[in-house]
Amino acid sequence: MDLFWLVLIVVGVGAFGMLAGRARDDVRHGRRWDAAFYAETHRQTQTDATGVLMCRRCGASGSERAGRCPSCGAVL
């Protein structure tokens, strides 16, 4: 029974050490990625009646149905 408690304590200390040792940069990077992903998935694009969108990266016009810029390949 003493061996069980010893193993349980060692595993608990190891788990706490792994959680406490996580760098704050990783947490901040995760938050930035989450914010960028949320902004990209919830953005609204303005389209006209023709279904043509203007690329935000290079300014070329591309079909709304294609979803990608024909010049640079960016998401429209």
PDB file of N, CA and C in Angstrom:
ATOM      1  N   MET A   1       0.822  -1.190   0.000  1.00  0.00           N
ATOM      2  CA  MET A   1       0.000   0.000   0.000  1.00  0.00           C
ATOM      3  C   MET A   1       0.867   1.254   0.000  1.00  0.00           C
ATOM      4  N   ASP A   2       2.013   1.181   0.681  1.00  0.00           N
ATOM      5  CA  ASP A   2       2.909   2.342   0.705  1.00  0.00           C
ATOM      6  C   ASP A   2       3.480   2.620  -0.684  1.00  0.00           C
ATOM      7  N   LEU A   3       3.739   1.584  -1.443  1.00  0.00           N
ATOM      8  CA  LEU A   3       4.253   1.755  -2.806  1.00  0.00           C
ATOM      9  C   LEU A   3       3.215   2.455  -3.686  1.00  0.00           C
ATOM     10  N   PHE A   4       1.948   2.130  -3.483  1.00  0.00           N
ATOM     11  CA  PHE A   4       0.873   2.775  -4.234  1.00  0.00           C
ATOM     12  C   PHE A   4       0.861   4.270  -3.986  1.00  0.00           C
ATOM     13  N   TRP A   5       0.941   4.685  -2.729  1.00  0.00           N
ATOM     14  CA  TRP A   5       0.915   6.114  -2.397  1.00  0.00           C
ATOM     15  C   TRP A   5       2.164   6.814  -2.908  1.00  0.00           C
ATOM     16  N   LEU A   6       3.304   6.140  -2.870  1.00  0.00           N
ATOM     17  CA  LEU A   6       4.538   6.717  -3.378  1.00  0.00           C
ATOM     18  C   LEU A   6       4.426   6.968  -4.886  1.00  0.00           C
ATOM     19  N   VAL A   7       3.916   5.990  -5.603  1.00  0.00           N
ATOM     20  CA  VAL A   7       3.739   6.142  -7.050  1.00  0.00           C
ATOM     21  C   VAL A   7       2.729   7.244  -7.345  1.00  0.00           C
ATOM     22  N   LEU A   8       1.651   7.297  -6.591  1.00  0.00           N
ATOM     23  CA  LEU A   8       0.640   8.329  -6.783  1.00  0.00           C
ATOM     24  C   LEU A   8       1.218   9.726  -6.543  1.00  0.00           C
ATOM     25  N   ILE A   9       2.042   9.885  -5.517  1.00  0.00           N
ATOM     26  CA  ILE A   9       2.664  11.180  -5.229  1.00  0.00           C
ATOM     27  C   ILE A   9       3.643  11.564  -6.334  1.00  0.00           C
ATOM     28  N   VAL A  10       4.446  10.614  -6.786  1.00  0.00           N
ATOM     29  CA  VAL A  10       5.414  10.898  -7.845  1.00  0.00           C
ATOM     30  C   VAL A  10       4.693  11.303  -9.137  1.00  0.00           C
ATOM     31  N   VAL A  11       3.637  10.609  -9.480  1.00  0.00           N
ATOM     32  CA  VAL A  11       2.870  10.955 -10.680  1.00  0.00           C
ATOM     33  C   VAL A  11       2.220  12.333 -10.518  1.00  0.00           C
ATOM     34  N   GLY A  12       1.688  12.620  -9.339  1.00  0.00           N
ATOM     35  CA  GLY A  12       1.072  13.928  -9.085  1.00  0.00           C
ATOM     36  C   GLY A  12       2.077  15.065  -9.197  1.00  0.00           C
ATOM     37  N   VAL A  13       3.264  14.880  -8.609  1.00  0.00           N
ATOM     38  CA  VAL A  13       4.305  15.908  -8.689  1.00  0.00           C
ATOM     39  C   VAL A  13       4.763  16.088 -10.135  1.00  0.00           C
ATOM     40  N   GLY A  14       4.888  15.002 -10.865  1.00  0.00           N
ATOM     41  CA  GLY A  14       5.284  15.092 -12.274  1.00  0.00           C
ATOM     42  C   GLY A  14       4.250  15.828 -13.110  1.00  0.00           C
ATOM     43  N   ALA A  15       2.981  15.537 -12.872  1.00  0.00           N
ATOM     44  CA  ALA A  15       1.922  16.215 -13.618  1.00  0.00           C
ATOM     45  C   ALA A  15       1.893  17.702 -13.285  1.00  0.00           C
ATOM     46  N   PHE A  16       2.055  18.034 -12.014  1.00  0.00           N
ATOM     47  CA  PHE A  16       2.083  19.440 -11.614  1.00  0.00           C
ATOM     48  C   PHE A  16       3.283  20.150 -12.236  1.00  0.00           C
ATOM     49  N   GLY A  17       4.417  19.493 -12.271  1.00  0.00           N
ATOM     50  CA  GLY A  17       5.619  20.081 -12.871  1.00  0.00           C
ATOM     51  C   GLY A  17       5.442  20.339 -14.356  1.00  0.00           C
ATOM     52  N   MET A  18       4.764  19.437 -15.048  1.00  0.00           N
ATOM     53  CA  MET A  18       4.523  19.632 -16.480  1.00  0.00           C
ATOM     54  C   MET A  18       3.585  20.810 -16.712  1.00  0.00           C
ATOM     55  N   LEU A  19       2.555  20.943 -15.884  1.00  0.00           N
ATOM     56  CA  LEU A  19       1.622  22.054 -16.043  1.00  0.00           C
ATOM     57  C   LEU A  19       2.261  23.383 -15.665  1.00  0.00           C
ATOM     58  N   ALA A  20       3.051  23.396 -14.609  1.00  0.00           N
ATOM     59  CA  ALA A  20       3.680  24.635 -14.151  1.00  0.00           C
ATOM     60  C   ALA A  20       4.827  25.053 -15.066  1.00  0.00           C
ATOM     61  N   GLY A  21       5.433  24.114 -15.753  1.00  0.00           N
ATOM     62  CA  GLY A  21       6.573  24.413 -16.601  1.00  0.00           C
ATOM     63  C   GLY A  21       6.221  24.916 -17.983  1.00  0.00           C
ATOM     64  N   ARG A  22       4.957  24.982 -18.297  1.00  0.00           N
ATOM     65  CA  ARG A  22       4.552  25.443 -19.627  1.00  0.00           C
ATOM     66  C   ARG A  22       4.876  26.926 -19.767  1.00  0.00           C
ATOM     67  N   ALA A  23       5.524  27.270 -20.857  1.00  0.00           N
ATOM     68  CA  ALA A  23       5.968  28.653 -21.057  1.00  0.00           C
ATOM     69  C   ALA A  23       4.783  29.565 -21.356  1.00  0.00           C
ATOM     70  N   ARG A  24       4.883  30.795 -20.856  1.00  0.00           N
ATOM     71  CA  ARG A  24       3.817  31.754 -21.110  1.00  0.00           C
ATOM     72  C   ARG A  24       3.754  32.122 -22.588  1.00  0.00           C
ATOM     73  N   ASP A  25       4.878  32.021 -23.275  1.00  0.00           N
ATOM     74  CA  ASP A  25       4.871  32.317 -24.708  1.00  0.00           C
ATOM     75  C   ASP A  25       3.963  31.358 -25.463  1.00  0.00           C
ATOM     76  N   ASP A  26       3.940  30.096 -25.052  1.00  0.00           N
ATOM     77  CA  ASP A  26       3.063  29.126 -25.702  1.00  0.00           C
ATOM     78  C   ASP A  26       1.605  29.500 -25.503  1.00  0.00           C
ATOM     79  N   VAL A  27       1.278  29.961 -24.314  1.00  0.00           N
ATOM     80  CA  VAL A  27      -0.099  30.349 -24.018  1.00  0.00           C
ATOM     81  C   VAL A  27      -0.487  31.569 -24.849  1.00  0.00           C
ATOM     82  N   ARG A  28       0.405  32.569 -24.896  1.00  0.00           N
ATOM     83  CA  ARG A  28       0.122  33.773 -25.676  1.00  0.00           C
ATOM     84  C   ARG A  28       0.023  33.454 -27.155  1.00  0.00           C
ATOM     85  N   HIS A  29       0.893  32.575 -27.644  1.00  0.00           N
ATOM     86  CA  HIS A  29       0.832  32.186 -29.051  1.00  0.00           C
ATOM     87  C   HIS A  29      -0.491  31.497 -29.357  1.00  0.00           C
ATOM     88  N   GLY A  30      -0.953  30.659 -28.451  1.00  0.00           N
ATOM     89  CA  GLY A  30      -2.235  29.988 -28.644  1.00  0.00           C
ATOM     90  C   GLY A  30      -3.386  30.974 -28.700  1.00  0.00           C
ATOM     91  N   ARG A  31      -3.341  31.999 -27.831  1.00  0.00           N
ATOM     92  CA  ARG A  31      -4.394  33.010 -27.832  1.00  0.00           C
ATOM     93  C   ARG A  31      -4.380  33.813 -29.117  1.00  0.00           C
ATOM     94  N   ARG A  32      -3.181  34.170 -29.597  1.00  0.00           N
ATOM     95  CA  ARG A  32      -3.088  34.924 -30.851  1.00  0.00           C
ATOM     96  C   ARG A  32      -3.631  34.088 -32.005  1.00  0.00           C
ATOM     97  N   TRP A  33      -3.292  32.791 -32.026  1.00  0.00           N
ATOM     98  CA  TRP A  33      -3.775  31.932 -33.094  1.00  0.00           C
ATOM     99  C   TRP A  33      -5.286  31.816 -33.031  1.00  0.00           C
ATOM    100  N   ASP A  34      -5.843  31.655 -31.827  1.00  0.00           N
ATOM    101  CA  ASP A  34      -7.294  31.569 -31.667  1.00  0.00           C
ATOM    102  C   ASP A  34      -7.973  32.843 -32.139  1.00  0.00           C
ATOM    103  N   ALA A  35      -7.413  33.992 -31.781  1.00  0.00           N
ATOM    104  CA  ALA A  35      -8.004  35.269 -32.188  1.00  0.00           C
ATOM    105  C   ALA A  35      -7.950  35.436 -33.699  1.00  0.00           C
ATOM    106  N   ALA A  36      -6.832  35.072 -34.309  1.00  0.00           N
ATOM    107  CA  ALA A  36      -6.708  35.187 -35.765  1.00  0.00           C
ATOM    108  C   ALA A  36      -7.671  34.229 -36.463  1.00  0.00           C
ATOM    109  N   PHE A  37      -7.799  33.019 -35.939  1.00  0.00           N
ATOM    110  CA  PHE A  37      -8.704  32.047 -36.544  1.00  0.00           C
ATOM    111  C   PHE A  37     -10.148  32.530 -36.440  1.00  0.00           C
ATOM    112  N   TYR A  38     -10.521  33.064 -35.274  1.00  0.00           N
ATOM    113  CA  TYR A  38     -11.882  33.573 -35.084  1.00  0.00           C
ATOM    114  C   TYR A  38     -12.163  34.729 -36.041  1.00  0.00           C
ATOM    115  N   ALA A  39     -11.217  35.641 -36.158  1.00  0.00           N
ATOM    116  CA  ALA A  39     -11.409  36.792 -37.047  1.00  0.00           C
ATOM    117  C   ALA A  39     -11.545  36.347 -38.498  1.00  0.00           C
ATOM    118  N   GLU A  40     -10.744  35.369 -38.908  1.00  0.00           N
ATOM    119  CA  GLU A  40     -10.795  34.915 -40.303  1.00  0.00           C
ATOM    120  C   GLU A  40     -12.090  34.169 -40.602  1.00  0.00           C
ATOM    121  N   THR A  41     -12.585  33.400 -39.655  1.00  0.00           N
ATOM    122  CA  THR A  41     -13.791  32.620 -39.912  1.00  0.00           C
ATOM    123  C   THR A  41     -15.064  33.449 -39.789  1.00  0.00           C
ATOM    124  N   HIS A  42     -14.998  34.599 -39.115  1.00  0.00           N
ATOM    125  CA  HIS A  42     -16.191  35.413 -38.932  1.00  0.00           C
ATOM    126  C   HIS A  42     -16.167  36.722 -39.720  1.00  0.00           C
ATOM    127  N   ARG A  43     -15.240  36.836 -40.646  1.00  0.00           N
ATOM    128  CA  ARG A  43     -15.191  38.062 -41.426  1.00  0.00           C
ATOM    129  C   ARG A  43     -16.288  38.043 -42.491  1.00  0.00           C
ATOM    130  N   GLN A  44     -16.712  39.222 -42.864  1.00  0.00           N
ATOM    131  CA  GLN A  44     -17.730  39.345 -43.901  1.00  0.00           C
ATOM    132  C   GLN A  44     -17.094  40.010 -45.107  1.00  0.00           C
ATOM    133  N   THR A  45     -17.323  39.439 -46.265  1.00  0.00           N
ATOM    134  CA  THR A  45     -16.792  40.020 -47.491  1.00  0.00           C
ATOM    135  C   THR A  45     -17.918  40.705 -48.232  1.00  0.00           C
ATOM    136  N   GLN A  46     -17.586  41.841 -48.786  1.00  0.00           N
ATOM    137  CA  GLN A  46     -18.565  42.584 -49.568  1.00  0.00           C
ATOM    138  C   GLN A  46     -18.484  42.110 -51.012  1.00  0.00           C
ATOM    139  N   THR A  47     -19.585  41.723 -51.556  1.00  0.00           N
ATOM    140  CA  THR A  47     -19.632  41.272 -52.934  1.00  0.00           C
ATOM    141  C   THR A  47     -20.664  42.102 -53.681  1.00  0.00           C
ATOM    142  N   ASP A  48     -20.509  42.158 -54.971  1.00  0.00           N
ATOM    143  CA  ASP A  48     -21.494  42.885 -55.764  1.00  0.00           C
ATOM    144  C   ASP A  48     -22.413  41.878 -56.454  1.00  0.00           C
ATOM    145  N   ALA A  49     -23.297  42.345 -57.280  1.00  0.00           N
ATOM    146  CA  ALA A  49     -24.282  41.461 -57.915  1.00  0.00           C
ATOM    147  C   ALA A  49     -23.643  40.501 -58.912  1.00  0.00           C
ATOM    148  N   THR A  50     -22.438  40.793 -59.351  1.00  0.00           N
ATOM    149  CA  THR A  50     -21.787  39.936 -60.341  1.00  0.00           C
ATOM    150  C   THR A  50     -21.077  38.740 -59.717  1.00  0.00           C
ATOM    151  N   GLY A  51     -20.888  38.749 -58.412  1.00  0.00           N
ATOM    152  CA  GLY A  51     -20.195  37.641 -57.759  1.00  0.00           C
ATOM    153  C   GLY A  51     -18.694  37.746 -57.869  1.00  0.00           C
ATOM    154  N   VAL A  52     -18.183  38.959 -58.066  1.00  0.00           N
ATOM    155  CA  VAL A  52     -16.746  39.176 -58.194  1.00  0.00           C
ATOM    156  C   VAL A  52     -16.253  39.847 -56.916  1.00  0.00           C
ATOM    157  N   LEU A  53     -15.188  39.300 -56.356  1.00  0.00           N
ATOM    158  CA  LEU A  53     -14.593  39.861 -55.149  1.00  0.00           C
ATOM    159  C   LEU A  53     -13.213  40.416 -55.472  1.00  0.00           C
ATOM    160  N   MET A  54     -12.791  41.425 -54.694  1.00  0.00           N
ATOM    161  CA  MET A  54     -11.457  41.975 -54.851  1.00  0.00           C
ATOM    162  C   MET A  54     -10.539  41.351 -53.799  1.00  0.00           C
ATOM    163  N   CYS A  55      -9.376  40.926 -54.233  1.00  0.00           N
ATOM    164  CA  CYS A  55      -8.399  40.326 -53.339  1.00  0.00           C
ATOM    165  C   CYS A  55      -7.863  41.399 -52.396  1.00  0.00           C
ATOM    166  N   ARG A  56      -7.787  41.054 -51.098  1.00  0.00           N
ATOM    167  CA  ARG A  56      -7.266  42.013 -50.123  1.00  0.00           C
ATOM    168  C   ARG A  56      -5.759  42.087 -50.172  1.00  0.00           C
ATOM    169  N   ARG A  57      -5.108  41.066 -50.699  1.00  0.00           N
ATOM    170  CA  ARG A  57      -3.652  41.048 -50.724  1.00  0.00           C
ATOM    171  C   ARG A  57      -3.090  41.785 -51.933  1.00  0.00           C
ATOM    172  N   CYS A  58      -3.595  41.462 -53.140  1.00  0.00           N
ATOM    173  CA  CYS A  58      -2.987  42.053 -54.335  1.00  0.00           C
ATOM    174  C   CYS A  58      -3.929  42.974 -55.106  1.00  0.00           C
ATOM    175  N   GLY A  59      -5.221  42.965 -54.794  1.00  0.00           N
ATOM    176  CA  GLY A  59      -6.157  43.866 -55.450  1.00  0.00           C
ATOM    177  C   GLY A  59      -6.775  43.336 -56.729  1.00  0.00           C
ATOM    178  N   ALA A  60      -6.440  42.126 -57.121  1.00  0.00           N
ATOM    179  CA  ALA A  60      -7.003  41.550 -58.340  1.00  0.00           C
ATOM    180  C   ALA A  60      -8.439  41.108 -58.080  1.00  0.00           C
ATOM    181  N   SER A  61      -9.215  40.996 -59.130  1.00  0.00           N
ATOM    182  CA  SER A  61     -10.594  40.535 -59.015  1.00  0.00           C
ATOM    183  C   SER A  61     -10.659  39.042 -59.283  1.00  0.00           C
ATOM    184  N   GLY A  62     -11.501  38.365 -58.505  1.00  0.00           N
ATOM    185  CA  GLY A  62     -11.649  36.930 -58.672  1.00  0.00           C
ATOM    186  C   GLY A  62     -13.075  36.507 -58.410  1.00  0.00           C
ATOM    187  N   SER A  63     -13.439  35.358 -58.932  1.00  0.00           N
ATOM    188  CA  SER A  63     -14.789  34.851 -58.782  1.00  0.00           C
ATOM    189  C   SER A  63     -15.064  34.474 -57.338  1.00  0.00           C
ATOM    190  N   GLU A  64     -16.259  34.833 -56.872  1.00  0.00           N
ATOM    191  CA  GLU A  64     -16.650  34.496 -55.508  1.00  0.00           C
ATOM    192  C   GLU A  64     -16.746  32.986 -55.333  1.00  0.00           C
ATOM    193  N   ARG A  65     -17.165  32.307 -56.347  1.00  0.00           N
ATOM    194  CA  ARG A  65     -17.322  30.845 -56.263  1.00  0.00           C
ATOM    195  C   ARG A  65     -15.985  30.136 -56.201  1.00  0.00           C
ATOM    196  N   ALA A  66     -14.962  30.721 -56.836  1.00  0.00           N
ATOM    197  CA  ALA A  66     -13.641  30.091 -56.815  1.00  0.00           C
ATOM    198  C   ALA A  66     -13.063  30.121 -55.405  1.00  0.00           C
ATOM    199  N   GLY A  67     -13.279  31.232 -54.700  1.00  0.00           N
ATOM    200  CA  GLY A  67     -12.803  31.338 -53.332  1.00  0.00           C
ATOM    201  C   GLY A  67     -11.348  31.716 -53.190  1.00  0.00           C
ATOM    202  N   ARG A  68     -10.583  31.678 -54.273  1.00  0.00           N
ATOM    203  CA  ARG A  68      -9.164  32.007 -54.250  1.00  0.00           C
ATOM    204  C   ARG A  68      -8.854  33.055 -55.313  1.00  0.00           C
ATOM    205  N   CYS A  69      -7.859  33.864 -55.031  1.00  0.00           N
ATOM    206  CA  CYS A  69      -7.420  34.877 -55.978  1.00  0.00           C
ATOM    207  C   CYS A  69      -6.696  34.200 -57.125  1.00  0.00           C
ATOM    208  N   PRO A  70      -7.011  34.565 -58.380  1.00  0.00           N
ATOM    209  CA  PRO A  70      -6.324  33.935 -59.516  1.00  0.00           C
ATOM    210  C   PRO A  70      -4.870  34.394 -59.629  1.00  0.00           C
ATOM    211  N   SER A  71      -4.516  35.548 -59.057  1.00  0.00           N
ATOM    212  CA  SER A  71      -3.139  36.058 -59.188  1.00  0.00           C
ATOM    213  C   SER A  71      -2.219  35.513 -58.119  1.00  0.00           C
ATOM    214  N   CYS A  72      -2.631  35.663 -56.850  1.00  0.00           N
ATOM    215  CA  CYS A  72      -1.711  35.294 -55.755  1.00  0.00           C
ATOM    216  C   CYS A  72      -2.155  34.049 -54.997  1.00  0.00           C
ATOM    217  N   GLY A  73      -3.383  33.592 -55.174  1.00  0.00           N
ATOM    218  CA  GLY A  73      -3.840  32.375 -54.511  1.00  0.00           C
ATOM    219  C   GLY A  73      -4.371  32.590 -53.115  1.00  0.00           C
ATOM    220  N   ALA A  74      -4.508  33.841 -52.684  1.00  0.00           N
ATOM    221  CA  ALA A  74      -5.012  34.123 -51.337  1.00  0.00           C
ATOM    222  C   ALA A  74      -6.516  33.821 -51.281  1.00  0.00           C
ATOM    223  N   VAL A  75      -6.999  33.567 -50.082  1.00  0.00           N
ATOM    224  CA  VAL A  75      -8.423  33.333 -49.878  1.00  0.00           C
ATOM    225  C   VAL A  75      -9.159  34.645 -50.057  1.00  0.00           C
ATOM    226  N   LEU A  76     -10.206  34.633 -50.866  1.00  0.00           N
ATOM    227  CA  LEU A  76     -10.963  35.873 -51.115  1.00  0.00           C
ATOM    228  C   LEU A  76     -11.964  36.128 -50.014  1.00  0.00           C
TER     229      LEU A  76
END
